[in-house]
Protein backbone atom coordinates (compact mmCIF):
# COMPACT_ATOMS: atom_id res chain seq x y z
CA MET A 1 85.61 89.36 91.13
CA LYS A 2 88.53 89.42 93.53
CA ILE A 3 91.60 91.58 93.08
CA ILE A 4 94.84 92.09 94.99
CA GLU A 5 96.11 95.62 95.52
CA ILE A 6 99.72 96.29 96.55
CA GLU A 7 101.34 99.55 97.59
CA GLY A 8 104.92 98.73 96.72
CA ALA A 9 108.42 99.70 97.84
CA LYS A 10 107.93 98.57 101.45
CA GLU A 11 110.64 96.75 103.37
CA LEU A 12 109.61 93.38 104.78
CA THR A 13 110.90 92.11 108.09
CA GLY A 14 109.80 89.37 110.50
CA THR A 15 108.94 85.71 110.00
CA ILE A 16 106.83 83.89 107.41
CA ARG A 17 105.90 80.31 108.22
CA VAL A 18 105.62 77.96 105.25
CA SER A 19 102.43 75.90 104.93
CA GLY A 20 102.00 72.29 103.87
CA ALA A 21 102.92 71.49 100.29
CA LYS A 22 100.15 72.06 97.77
CA ASN A 23 101.62 69.56 95.32
CA ALA A 24 101.69 66.85 98.00
CA THR A 25 98.28 67.67 99.48
CA VAL A 26 96.47 67.44 96.15
CA ALA A 27 97.72 63.84 95.77
CA LEU A 28 97.35 62.80 99.41
CA ILE A 29 93.64 63.64 99.58
CA PRO A 30 92.68 61.35 96.65
CA ALA A 31 95.13 58.71 97.94
CA ALA A 32 93.24 58.60 101.25
CA ILE A 33 90.24 56.88 99.66
CA LEU A 34 92.38 53.76 99.18
CA THR A 35 92.18 52.94 102.89
CA ASP A 36 89.46 50.64 104.15
CA GLU A 37 89.21 52.64 107.39
CA GLU A 38 90.10 56.34 107.75
CA ALA A 39 93.08 58.59 107.28
CA THR A 40 94.11 61.71 109.16
CA ILE A 41 96.33 64.17 107.31
CA CYS A 42 97.79 67.16 109.13
CA ASN A 43 99.53 70.33 107.94
CA VAL A 44 96.94 70.60 105.16
CA PRO A 45 96.89 74.10 103.62
CA GLU A 46 93.60 75.96 103.35
CA ILE A 47 93.67 76.76 99.65
CA THR A 48 91.01 76.53 96.99
CA ASP A 49 92.61 73.41 95.45
CA THR A 50 92.06 71.62 98.76
CA GLU A 51 88.46 72.78 98.86
CA ALA A 52 87.87 71.50 95.32
CA LEU A 53 89.21 68.04 96.24
CA VAL A 54 87.03 67.91 99.35
CA ASP A 55 84.04 68.66 97.12
CA ILE A 56 84.93 65.60 95.03
CA LEU A 57 85.21 63.48 98.19
CA LYS A 58 81.71 64.56 99.18
CA LEU A 59 80.45 63.73 95.69
CA LEU A 60 81.80 60.21 96.31
CA ASN A 61 79.97 60.08 99.67
CA VAL A 62 83.22 60.16 101.64
CA LYS A 63 83.00 61.59 105.16
CA VAL A 64 85.32 64.55 105.63
CA SER A 65 85.99 66.66 108.71
CA ARG A 66 88.49 69.45 109.28
CA ALA A 67 90.00 70.66 112.53
CA SER A 68 92.68 73.34 112.50
CA GLU A 69 95.29 72.18 109.95
CA SER A 70 94.12 68.54 109.88
CA ILE A 71 91.66 66.71 107.68
CA VAL A 72 90.08 63.34 108.53
CA ILE A 73 88.89 61.29 105.55
CA ASN A 74 86.64 58.26 106.08
CA PRO A 75 85.69 56.37 102.88
CA GLN A 76 83.84 53.48 104.57
CA GLU A 77 80.50 54.54 103.01
CA MET A 78 82.03 55.68 99.76
CA ILE A 79 80.17 55.27 96.46
CA ASN A 80 82.13 55.00 93.21
CA THR A 81 80.26 57.45 91.02
CA GLU A 82 81.19 59.48 87.96
CA ILE A 83 83.27 62.59 88.68
CA THR A 84 81.51 65.08 86.45
CA GLU A 85 83.14 67.90 84.54
CA PRO A 86 82.20 70.74 86.93
CA TYR A 87 84.18 68.92 89.64
CA SER A 88 87.13 67.67 87.58
CA LYS A 89 87.84 70.93 85.75
CA LYS A 90 88.44 72.93 88.93
CA LEU A 91 92.00 71.67 89.19
CA ARG A 92 94.54 69.58 87.35
CA ALA A 93 95.12 67.28 90.31
CA SER A 94 91.58 65.89 90.15
CA TYR A 95 93.15 63.23 87.91
CA TYR A 96 94.59 61.51 90.99
CA PHE A 97 91.10 60.21 91.68
CA MET A 98 91.43 58.23 88.46
CA GLY A 99 94.32 56.18 89.84
CA ALA A 100 92.83 55.90 93.33
CA LEU A 101 89.39 54.78 92.13
CA LEU A 102 90.93 52.34 89.67
CA GLY A 103 93.09 50.90 92.44
CA LYS A 104 90.18 50.54 94.86
CA TYR A 105 87.22 49.65 92.65
CA LYS A 106 88.87 48.61 89.36
CA LYS A 107 86.88 51.36 87.67
CA ALA A 108 87.04 55.15 87.38
CA VAL A 109 84.78 57.44 85.36
CA MET A 110 85.73 61.10 85.16
CA TYR A 111 86.35 64.01 82.86
CA PHE A 112 89.69 65.45 81.79
CA PRO A 113 90.94 67.73 84.55
CA GLY A 114 91.40 71.50 84.55
CA GLY A 115 94.15 73.68 86.04
CA CYS A 116 96.52 76.40 84.84
CA SER A 117 96.91 76.92 81.07
CA ILE A 118 100.69 76.72 81.05
CA GLY A 119 100.95 74.37 78.10
CA ALA A 120 99.84 71.04 76.72
CA ARG A 121 99.27 68.75 79.67
CA PRO A 122 98.12 65.39 78.30
CA ILE A 123 97.58 62.39 80.55
CA ASP A 124 98.89 59.85 78.04
CA LEU A 125 101.57 58.55 80.42
CA HIS A 126 98.95 57.99 83.13
CA LEU A 127 96.70 56.06 80.75
CA LYS A 128 99.57 53.95 79.37
CA GLY A 129 100.48 53.05 82.94
CA PHE A 130 96.91 52.03 83.72
CA GLU A 131 96.81 49.90 80.57
CA ALA A 132 100.05 48.17 81.57
CA LEU A 133 98.38 47.28 84.88
CA GLY A 134 95.52 45.61 82.97
CA ALA A 135 92.99 48.39 82.53
CA THR A 136 91.06 49.23 79.38
CA ILE A 137 90.31 52.86 78.56
CA THR A 138 87.32 54.28 76.71
CA SER A 139 87.15 57.98 75.97
CA ASP A 140 84.34 60.14 74.65
CA LYS A 141 85.52 63.71 74.11
CA ASN A 142 86.71 64.74 77.60
CA LYS A 143 85.17 61.78 79.46
CA TYR A 144 87.30 58.76 80.38
CA ILE A 145 86.19 55.32 81.55
CA VAL A 146 89.09 53.32 82.97
CA GLU A 147 88.27 49.80 84.16
CA ALA A 148 89.77 46.37 84.70
CA GLU A 149 88.57 42.93 85.74
CA GLU A 150 91.80 42.65 87.69
CA LEU A 151 94.90 44.79 88.08
CA HIS A 152 98.26 43.05 87.93
CA GLY A 153 101.83 44.15 88.47
CA ALA A 154 103.84 45.39 85.51
CA ASN A 155 107.14 46.93 84.50
CA ILE A 156 106.37 50.48 83.40
CA TYR A 157 108.85 52.88 81.80
CA LEU A 158 107.83 56.53 81.72
CA ASP A 159 108.95 58.37 78.58
CA ILE A 160 109.06 61.54 80.69
CA ALA A 161 109.75 61.66 84.43
CA SER A 162 106.25 62.95 85.14
CA VAL A 163 105.23 63.67 88.74
CA GLY A 164 101.54 63.19 88.01
CA ALA A 165 102.00 59.91 86.14
CA THR A 166 104.37 58.53 88.78
CA ILE A 167 101.90 59.21 91.59
CA ASN A 168 98.82 58.10 89.66
CA ILE A 169 100.41 54.77 88.71
CA MET A 170 101.46 54.25 92.36
CA LEU A 171 97.85 54.81 93.45
CA ALA A 172 96.54 52.29 90.94
CA ALA A 173 99.25 49.72 91.71
CA VAL A 174 99.16 49.53 95.52
CA LYS A 175 96.31 46.99 95.48
CA ALA A 176 97.23 45.26 92.21
CA LYS A 177 98.26 41.62 92.32
CA GLY A 178 102.01 41.16 92.06
CA THR A 179 104.83 43.65 91.74
CA THR A 180 104.93 46.88 89.76
CA ILE A 181 108.14 48.70 88.90
CA ILE A 182 108.06 52.29 87.61
CA ASP A 183 111.29 53.18 85.81
CA ASN A 184 112.30 56.75 84.96
CA ALA A 185 110.03 57.76 87.81
CA ALA A 186 109.96 61.39 88.95
CA LYS A 187 111.98 62.04 92.11
CA GLU A 188 110.22 65.05 93.65
CA PRO A 189 109.85 65.21 97.47
CA GLU A 190 106.07 65.22 97.06
CA ILE A 191 106.28 61.71 95.58
CA VAL A 192 108.21 60.53 98.64
CA ASN A 193 105.55 62.11 100.87
CA VAL A 194 102.75 60.28 99.04
CA ALA A 195 104.63 56.96 99.12
CA THR A 196 105.24 57.37 102.85
CA PHE A 197 101.53 58.00 103.37
CA LEU A 198 100.59 54.86 101.45
CA ASN A 199 103.19 52.83 103.35
CA ASN A 200 101.79 54.15 106.63
CA MET A 201 98.46 52.65 105.52
CA GLY A 202 100.08 49.28 104.80
CA ALA A 203 101.31 49.59 101.22
CA LYS A 204 104.70 48.15 100.23
CA ILE A 205 106.51 50.80 98.22
CA THR A 206 110.28 51.18 97.99
CA GLY A 207 112.51 53.44 95.93
CA ALA A 208 110.40 56.62 96.08
CA GLY A 209 112.72 59.56 95.48
CA THR A 210 114.81 57.55 93.02
CA SER A 211 114.26 56.81 89.33
CA SER A 212 112.98 53.29 90.05
CA ILE A 213 109.98 52.70 92.33
CA LYS A 214 108.86 49.21 93.34
CA ILE A 215 105.28 48.53 94.50
CA GLU A 216 104.28 45.14 95.89
CA GLY A 217 100.50 44.86 95.82
CA VAL A 218 98.55 44.38 99.05
CA ASP A 219 94.93 43.41 99.71
CA LYS A 220 94.01 46.05 102.27
CA LEU A 221 95.07 49.44 103.57
CA HIS A 222 94.33 50.51 107.14
CA LYS A 223 93.97 53.76 109.04
CA CYS A 224 96.92 56.07 109.56
CA PHE A 225 98.09 59.52 110.63
CA HIS A 226 100.28 61.47 108.23
CA GLU A 227 101.86 64.92 107.92
CA VAL A 228 102.22 66.96 104.73
CA ILE A 229 105.77 68.17 104.07
CA PRO A 230 106.43 71.93 103.95
CA ASP A 231 105.81 73.55 100.57
CA ARG A 232 109.17 74.02 98.85
CA ILE A 233 107.68 76.25 96.14
CA GLU A 234 106.02 78.53 98.68
CA ALA A 235 109.29 78.68 100.62
CA GLY A 236 111.15 79.54 97.43
CA THR A 237 108.64 82.23 96.49
CA TYR A 238 109.04 83.98 99.84
CA LEU A 239 112.83 83.68 99.69
CA ILE A 240 112.79 85.42 96.31
CA ILE A 241 110.52 88.11 97.75
CA GLY A 242 112.95 88.42 100.66
CA ALA A 243 115.79 88.92 98.21
CA LEU A 244 113.80 91.68 96.52
CA CYS A 245 112.60 93.64 99.54
CA GLY A 246 113.38 91.77 102.77
CA LYS A 247 115.37 92.97 105.74
CA ASN A 248 116.33 89.96 107.86
CA LEU A 249 113.19 88.21 106.61
CA LYS A 250 113.00 84.71 108.10
CA ILE A 251 111.27 81.89 106.21
CA ASP A 252 110.39 79.22 108.77
CA ASN A 253 109.38 75.55 108.41
CA VAL A 254 111.63 74.79 105.45
CA ILE A 255 113.29 71.53 104.39
CA THR A 256 116.37 73.21 102.99
CA GLU A 257 117.61 70.27 100.89
CA HIS A 258 114.35 70.40 98.92
CA ILE A 259 115.36 73.78 97.48
CA ASP A 260 119.10 73.33 97.00
CA SER A 261 118.95 74.39 93.35
CA LEU A 262 117.21 77.65 94.26
CA LEU A 263 119.58 78.39 97.15
CA SER A 264 122.54 77.87 94.84
CA LYS A 265 121.17 80.42 92.36
CA LEU A 266 120.26 82.93 95.07
CA GLU A 267 123.78 82.81 96.44
CA GLU A 268 125.21 83.00 92.93
CA VAL A 269 123.47 86.31 92.21
CA GLY A 270 124.57 87.69 95.58
CA VAL A 271 121.70 87.15 98.02
CA LYS A 272 122.97 86.87 101.61
CA LEU A 273 121.37 83.95 103.44
CA GLU A 274 121.53 82.40 106.88
CA ILE A 275 120.57 78.75 106.50
CA GLY A 276 119.41 76.99 109.66
CA ARG A 277 118.12 73.50 110.34
CA ASP A 278 114.52 74.32 109.39
CA TYR A 279 114.62 78.00 108.45
CA ILE A 280 116.35 80.40 106.09
CA THR A 281 116.80 84.12 106.76
CA VAL A 282 117.41 86.61 103.97
CA LEU A 283 119.90 88.90 105.67
CA ASP A 284 119.94 92.67 105.43
CA HIS A 285 122.43 93.56 102.70
CA GLU A 286 123.04 95.92 99.82
CA ARG A 287 121.08 94.58 96.87
CA LYS A 288 123.64 94.71 94.10
CA TYR A 289 122.80 91.52 92.26
CA LYS A 290 124.79 89.74 89.59
CA THR A 291 123.31 88.06 86.54
CA THR A 292 122.86 84.34 86.03
CA ASN A 293 121.51 81.83 83.53
CA ILE A 294 118.88 79.27 84.53
CA LYS A 295 117.47 76.22 82.79
CA THR A 296 114.45 74.58 84.42
CA ALA A 297 114.58 70.82 84.96
CA THR A 298 112.89 68.01 86.81
CA TYR A 299 113.87 67.59 90.46
CA PRO A 300 116.53 68.08 91.75
CA GLY A 301 117.07 70.67 89.00
CA PHE A 302 115.75 74.23 89.09
CA PRO A 303 111.94 74.05 89.48
CA THR A 304 109.76 75.34 86.68
CA ASP A 305 107.39 76.58 89.40
CA LEU A 306 110.02 79.07 90.59
CA GLN A 307 111.30 80.43 87.29
CA GLN A 308 108.48 82.98 87.05
CA PRO A 309 109.10 84.58 90.48
CA PHE A 310 112.87 84.37 89.87
CA THR A 311 112.43 86.37 86.66
CA VAL A 312 111.35 89.29 88.85
CA LEU A 313 114.57 89.04 90.87
CA LEU A 314 116.64 89.10 87.68
CA THR A 315 115.02 92.38 86.62
CA GLN A 316 117.06 93.84 89.50
CA ALA A 317 120.38 92.20 88.53
CA ASN A 318 123.08 94.26 86.84
CA GLY A 319 123.33 93.03 83.26
CA LYS A 320 121.86 90.31 81.04
CA SER A 321 120.38 87.09 82.44
CA LYS A 322 118.67 84.22 80.67
CA ILE A 323 116.03 81.73 81.77
CA THR A 324 115.30 78.72 79.56
CA GLU A 325 112.06 76.86 80.21
CA THR A 326 112.20 73.13 79.38
CA ILE A 327 109.04 71.83 81.07
CA TRP A 328 106.03 73.90 79.94
CA GLU A 329 105.77 75.79 76.66
CA ASN A 330 103.45 78.52 77.98
CA ARG A 331 105.38 79.41 81.12
CA PHE A 332 106.28 82.96 80.07
CA MET A 333 102.78 84.43 80.13
CA HIS A 334 103.88 86.66 83.02
CA VAL A 335 106.44 88.45 80.85
CA PRO A 336 104.08 90.91 79.09
CA TYR A 337 102.85 92.08 82.48
CA LEU A 338 106.35 92.45 83.89
CA LYS A 339 107.15 94.57 80.82
CA LEU A 340 104.05 96.63 81.56
CA LEU A 341 105.55 97.33 84.98
CA GLY A 342 108.80 98.43 83.36
CA ALA A 343 110.90 95.28 82.99
CA ASP A 344 113.21 94.80 80.00
CA ILE A 345 112.55 91.20 78.90
CA GLU A 346 112.38 89.45 75.54
CA VAL A 347 111.30 85.85 74.93
CA LYS A 348 112.49 83.75 72.02
CA ASN A 349 112.58 79.96 71.56
CA GLN A 350 111.57 79.21 75.16
CA THR A 351 114.28 81.49 76.55
CA ALA A 352 113.67 84.79 78.32
CA THR A 353 116.45 87.36 78.21
CA ILE A 354 116.24 89.82 81.09
CA ILE A 355 118.19 93.10 81.16
CA GLY A 356 118.55 94.82 84.51
CA PRO A 357 118.41 96.58 86.76
CA THR A 358 115.10 98.26 85.90
CA GLU A 359 112.77 100.32 88.04
CA LEU A 360 109.29 98.83 88.21
CA LYS A 361 106.23 101.06 88.47
CA GLY A 362 102.77 99.95 89.55
CA ALA A 363 100.08 99.11 86.99
CA GLU A 364 97.13 96.76 86.50
CA VAL A 365 98.34 93.25 85.71
CA VAL A 366 96.86 89.76 85.38
CA ALA A 367 97.71 86.51 87.18
CA THR A 368 97.59 84.25 84.13
CA ASP A 369 98.40 81.15 86.20
CA LEU A 370 99.41 80.25 89.74
CA ARG A 371 103.16 80.93 89.59
CA ALA A 372 102.74 83.87 87.21
CA GLY A 373 100.49 85.27 89.93
CA ALA A 374 103.28 84.80 92.46
CA ALA A 375 105.56 86.72 90.10
CA MET A 376 103.04 89.57 89.93
CA VAL A 377 102.92 89.74 93.72
CA ALA A 378 106.72 89.81 93.92
CA ALA A 379 106.88 92.54 91.29
CA GLY A 380 104.15 94.57 92.94
CA LEU A 381 106.00 94.49 96.23
CA ILE A 382 109.02 96.31 94.74
CA ALA A 383 107.19 98.51 92.23
CA SER A 384 106.62 102.15 93.09
CA GLY A 385 102.99 103.16 93.47
CA LYS A 386 100.00 100.82 93.32
CA THR A 387 99.84 97.48 91.54
CA THR A 388 96.47 95.83 90.96
CA ILE A 389 96.36 92.13 90.18
CA THR A 390 93.28 90.54 88.60
CA ASN A 391 92.41 86.86 88.05
CA VAL A 392 93.76 86.24 91.56
CA GLU A 393 91.86 82.97 91.95
CA HIS A 394 94.97 81.36 90.49
CA ILE A 395 97.08 82.71 93.37
CA LEU A 396 94.60 81.61 96.03
CA ARG A 397 94.73 78.07 94.58
CA GLY A 398 98.26 77.55 95.82
CA TYR A 399 99.32 80.05 98.51
CA GLU A 400 97.66 79.71 101.90
CA GLN A 401 96.92 83.07 103.57
CA ILE A 402 99.33 84.91 101.28
CA ILE A 403 97.73 88.27 102.08
CA GLU A 404 97.99 87.74 105.83
CA LYS A 405 101.51 86.35 105.70
CA LEU A 406 102.86 89.27 103.70
CA SER A 407 100.90 91.86 105.69
CA ASP A 408 102.33 90.50 108.93
CA VAL A 409 105.89 91.28 107.76
CA GLY A 410 105.12 94.79 106.56
CA ALA A 411 103.65 94.55 103.07
CA LYS A 412 100.77 96.86 102.11
CA ILE A 413 98.68 94.25 100.36
CA THR A 414 94.92 93.70 100.37
CA LEU A 415 92.43 91.31 98.83
CA LYS A 416 89.28 93.04 97.61
CA GLU A 417 85.98 91.99 96.11
CA ILE A 418 84.78 94.26 93.30
């Protein structure tokens, strides 16, 4: 078992470079099998989610090679075989193979995916989209068979602006006959990145980043070179850490407009920032933070993936703050562990009320999911004494070289095998 140990109350200074976006990478890798040649993707983070997707590619007899931050995917000898449960349950994003295989072969057989237990995460919207494109779906417990004699364009309205459903329907529709329109589509930057990748391969997609995406089906996709956008959630996590214990801590390789909602809240509570073209520095300043209220929302609203780390920052604000979670019903599993460290937080009806400032003291805590794990790291960095985090596999799923990046700017943090 792996654990993370942190000796807290250290000031962080220097530069942290943001890696490629996890939430884009996990869709781009399955999307690459749609080409009839090969695809090169650069700025790919080395995280366990990436490794799990590469394992699925190998199961499908896809040739994969890695060099530095790039991955080359060649599906020319690919075999469309069942993606068994041990492969699919490693991560939620394995479901993107369902749309990609359906789009390429008109058939996908796989098990319901895994991932963080942050709430009910059904794939109903994905399946309804596939059915609208002409597919039939057979399910047996957790196993799904999605197949079609032919895929055709359709007008699809998503009841919820789901990132996963938007991308999965795009993957299935790029080779369908005719035109597909996805209305109430999610607008996240990762969707734009995936659409750009598909267009670079010869797809005809317009409107990505808006609520209406149009896909004109094509017969073939060719080779391409593509770059993963910087990870806005990683950038946001380190900015929050900078606000907690940074001294002129620079976060480099940032697309600042992707985190406007976070920057607005940081400035509202009193964090001093220098915002450059592709970097943000948390300036040295007296940390007397004001309270705020936050409600998570789909992009461009405040990201659900950052509310857990932001909770830690609000434990240091002077007064009462509230965070209301509107996306996932189990997104406050970090709260009991923050309370164990000394935080004053109560949760009722999907709203956390945080009273600060409170002094945090080290203890043994659990990373219940990926972003809860990020919150534990943030808390451990400001807590006095030693904080031990277990279940850290969740953290390693989504943050490339987090131990090295934080150590390089002065944190006393280690990853241990016990």
